[in-house]
Amino acid sequence: MLIKSANDMAYALGEYAGGSIANFANMMNKKAEELGCENTHFVNPCGLQDADHYTSAWDIYLIIK
């Protein structure tokens, strides 16, 4: 996902893994919660701007760790 693209692969992988983009976002949110993230909410697999798509530096650390 770190290569330049139109985010088509992120959406394709999200649909493949979750069955739908919405379900994949729910899966990502559940995993973030399991990792201890308190200020993260995903709405899509690519991270493109959305008012309900946010995170914090600490939560990014928890996800990467």
N, C-alpha and C. Protein backbone atom coordinates (compact mmCIF):
# COMPACT_ATOMS: atom_id res chain seq x y z
N MET A 1 0.82 -1.19 0.00
CA MET A 1 0.00 0.00 0.00
C MET A 1 0.86 1.25 0.00
N LEU A 2 2.17 1.10 0.09
CA LEU A 2 3.04 2.26 0.15
C LEU A 2 3.47 2.78 -1.21
N ILE A 3 2.96 2.22 -2.28
CA ILE A 3 3.32 2.71 -3.61
C ILE A 3 2.25 3.67 -4.10
N LYS A 4 2.63 4.54 -5.03
CA LYS A 4 1.69 5.51 -5.59
C LYS A 4 0.59 4.76 -6.35
N SER A 5 -0.66 5.10 -6.03
CA SER A 5 -1.78 4.46 -6.72
C SER A 5 -3.02 5.33 -6.56
N ALA A 6 -4.08 4.91 -7.17
CA ALA A 6 -5.36 5.59 -7.01
C ALA A 6 -6.17 4.94 -5.88
N ASN A 7 -5.51 4.21 -5.03
CA ASN A 7 -6.10 3.52 -3.89
C ASN A 7 -7.01 2.37 -4.29
N ASP A 8 -6.97 1.99 -5.56
CA ASP A 8 -7.78 0.87 -6.02
C ASP A 8 -7.43 -0.41 -5.27
N MET A 9 -6.16 -0.64 -5.04
CA MET A 9 -5.75 -1.87 -4.34
C MET A 9 -6.22 -1.87 -2.89
N ALA A 10 -6.19 -0.73 -2.23
CA ALA A 10 -6.66 -0.67 -0.85
C ALA A 10 -8.13 -1.06 -0.78
N TYR A 11 -8.91 -0.54 -1.71
CA TYR A 11 -10.33 -0.89 -1.73
C TYR A 11 -10.54 -2.35 -2.11
N ALA A 12 -9.77 -2.84 -3.08
CA ALA A 12 -9.89 -4.25 -3.50
C ALA A 12 -9.54 -5.18 -2.34
N LEU A 13 -8.46 -4.89 -1.62
CA LEU A 13 -8.07 -5.72 -0.48
C LEU A 13 -9.11 -5.64 0.64
N GLY A 14 -9.65 -4.45 0.86
CA GLY A 14 -10.68 -4.28 1.88
C GLY A 14 -11.92 -5.09 1.57
N GLU A 15 -12.35 -5.04 0.31
CA GLU A 15 -13.52 -5.82 -0.09
C GLU A 15 -13.24 -7.32 -0.01
N TYR A 16 -12.04 -7.72 -0.39
CA TYR A 16 -11.68 -9.14 -0.33
C TYR A 16 -11.65 -9.64 1.11
N ALA A 17 -10.98 -8.89 1.98
CA ALA A 17 -10.81 -9.32 3.37
C ALA A 17 -12.09 -9.19 4.19
N GLY A 18 -12.87 -8.15 3.93
CA GLY A 18 -14.04 -7.90 4.76
C GLY A 18 -15.38 -8.16 4.11
N GLY A 19 -15.37 -8.42 2.81
CA GLY A 19 -16.62 -8.63 2.10
C GLY A 19 -17.24 -7.34 1.60
N SER A 20 -16.93 -6.25 2.28
CA SER A 20 -17.38 -4.91 1.87
C SER A 20 -16.46 -3.89 2.54
N ILE A 21 -16.46 -2.69 2.00
CA ILE A 21 -15.62 -1.62 2.58
C ILE A 21 -16.09 -1.32 4.00
N ALA A 22 -17.40 -1.23 4.20
CA ALA A 22 -17.93 -0.92 5.53
C ALA A 22 -17.54 -1.99 6.55
N ASN A 23 -17.65 -3.24 6.17
CA ASN A 23 -17.29 -4.31 7.10
C ASN A 23 -15.79 -4.31 7.38
N PHE A 24 -14.98 -4.04 6.36
CA PHE A 24 -13.54 -3.97 6.58
C PHE A 24 -13.18 -2.83 7.54
N ALA A 25 -13.84 -1.69 7.39
CA ALA A 25 -13.61 -0.58 8.31
C ALA A 25 -14.00 -0.98 9.73
N ASN A 26 -15.09 -1.71 9.87
CA ASN A 26 -15.49 -2.21 11.20
C ASN A 26 -14.43 -3.15 11.77
N MET A 27 -13.87 -4.01 10.91
CA MET A 27 -12.81 -4.91 11.35
C MET A 27 -11.58 -4.12 11.80
N MET A 28 -11.22 -3.07 11.05
CA MET A 28 -10.08 -2.23 11.43
C MET A 28 -10.34 -1.52 12.75
N ASN A 29 -11.54 -1.02 12.94
CA ASN A 29 -11.89 -0.35 14.20
C ASN A 29 -11.83 -1.32 15.38
N LYS A 30 -12.31 -2.53 15.18
CA LYS A 30 -12.25 -3.54 16.25
C LYS A 30 -10.80 -3.86 16.61
N LYS A 31 -9.96 -4.03 15.60
CA LYS A 31 -8.55 -4.32 15.85
C LYS A 31 -7.87 -3.16 16.57
N ALA A 32 -8.16 -1.93 16.15
CA ALA A 32 -7.59 -0.76 16.82
C ALA A 32 -7.98 -0.74 18.30
N GLU A 33 -9.24 -1.06 18.57
CA GLU A 33 -9.69 -1.11 19.96
C GLU A 33 -8.95 -2.20 20.74
N GLU A 34 -8.76 -3.37 20.12
CA GLU A 34 -8.04 -4.47 20.76
C GLU A 34 -6.60 -4.07 21.08
N LEU A 35 -6.02 -3.21 20.24
CA LEU A 35 -4.64 -2.75 20.45
C LEU A 35 -4.54 -1.65 21.48
N GLY A 36 -5.67 -1.16 21.98
CA GLY A 36 -5.67 -0.12 23.00
C GLY A 36 -5.83 1.28 22.45
N CYS A 37 -6.12 1.42 21.18
CA CYS A 37 -6.33 2.74 20.58
C CYS A 37 -7.60 3.36 21.13
N GLU A 38 -7.50 4.63 21.53
CA GLU A 38 -8.65 5.33 22.10
C GLU A 38 -9.09 6.51 21.25
N ASN A 39 -8.27 6.93 20.30
CA ASN A 39 -8.58 8.10 19.48
C ASN A 39 -8.45 7.79 18.00
N THR A 40 -8.95 6.62 17.60
CA THR A 40 -8.86 6.19 16.21
C THR A 40 -10.21 5.69 15.74
N HIS A 41 -10.57 6.08 14.54
CA HIS A 41 -11.79 5.58 13.90
C HIS A 41 -11.55 5.55 12.40
N PHE A 42 -11.75 4.39 11.80
CA PHE A 42 -11.55 4.22 10.36
C PHE A 42 -12.89 4.16 9.65
N VAL A 43 -12.94 4.69 8.42
CA VAL A 43 -14.14 4.59 7.58
C VAL A 43 -13.84 3.99 6.22
N ASN A 44 -12.55 3.88 5.88
CA ASN A 44 -12.15 3.29 4.61
C ASN A 44 -10.76 2.69 4.74
N PRO A 45 -10.37 1.82 3.81
CA PRO A 45 -9.07 1.15 3.94
C PRO A 45 -7.87 1.97 3.45
N CYS A 46 -8.11 3.11 2.81
CA CYS A 46 -6.98 3.84 2.23
C CYS A 46 -6.58 5.07 3.03
N GLY A 47 -7.42 5.55 3.91
CA GLY A 47 -7.07 6.70 4.71
C GLY A 47 -7.39 8.04 4.09
N LEU A 48 -8.09 8.04 2.95
CA LEU A 48 -8.45 9.32 2.35
C LEU A 48 -9.37 10.10 3.28
N GLN A 49 -9.30 11.40 3.18
CA GLN A 49 -9.98 12.30 4.10
C GLN A 49 -11.48 12.01 4.22
N ASP A 50 -11.91 11.93 5.44
CA ASP A 50 -13.32 11.82 5.80
C ASP A 50 -13.43 12.36 7.21
N ALA A 51 -14.45 13.09 7.50
CA ALA A 51 -14.60 13.71 8.83
C ALA A 51 -14.62 12.66 9.95
N ASP A 52 -15.05 11.45 9.66
CA ASP A 52 -15.11 10.40 10.68
C ASP A 52 -13.91 9.46 10.65
N HIS A 53 -12.88 9.82 9.90
CA HIS A 53 -11.67 9.00 9.79
C HIS A 53 -10.54 9.77 10.49
N TYR A 54 -10.13 9.30 11.66
CA TYR A 54 -9.13 10.03 12.44
C TYR A 54 -8.30 9.08 13.28
N THR A 55 -7.17 9.59 13.74
CA THR A 55 -6.31 8.85 14.65
C THR A 55 -5.42 9.85 15.39
N SER A 56 -4.59 9.34 16.28
CA SER A 56 -3.64 10.17 17.02
C SER A 56 -2.24 9.57 16.85
N ALA A 57 -1.25 10.35 17.18
CA ALA A 57 0.13 9.86 17.08
C ALA A 57 0.33 8.65 17.99
N TRP A 58 -0.24 8.70 19.19
CA TRP A 58 -0.10 7.57 20.11
C TRP A 58 -0.76 6.31 19.56
N ASP A 59 -1.93 6.46 18.99
CA ASP A 59 -2.61 5.30 18.43
C ASP A 59 -1.85 4.73 17.23
N ILE A 60 -1.26 5.58 16.42
CA ILE A 60 -0.42 5.10 15.31
C ILE A 60 0.73 4.28 15.87
N TYR A 61 1.33 4.76 16.95
CA TYR A 61 2.40 4.01 17.61
C TYR A 61 1.90 2.62 18.03
N LEU A 62 0.73 2.57 18.66
CA LEU A 62 0.18 1.29 19.11
C LEU A 62 -0.07 0.35 17.93
N ILE A 63 -0.57 0.89 16.83
CA ILE A 63 -0.84 0.07 15.65
C ILE A 63 0.45 -0.45 15.04
N ILE A 64 1.45 0.39 14.94
CA ILE A 64 2.74 -0.02 14.34
C ILE A 64 3.46 -1.01 15.25
N LYS A 65 3.39 -0.77 16.55
CA LYS A 65 4.08 -1.63 17.53
C LYS A 65 3.60 -3.05 17.38
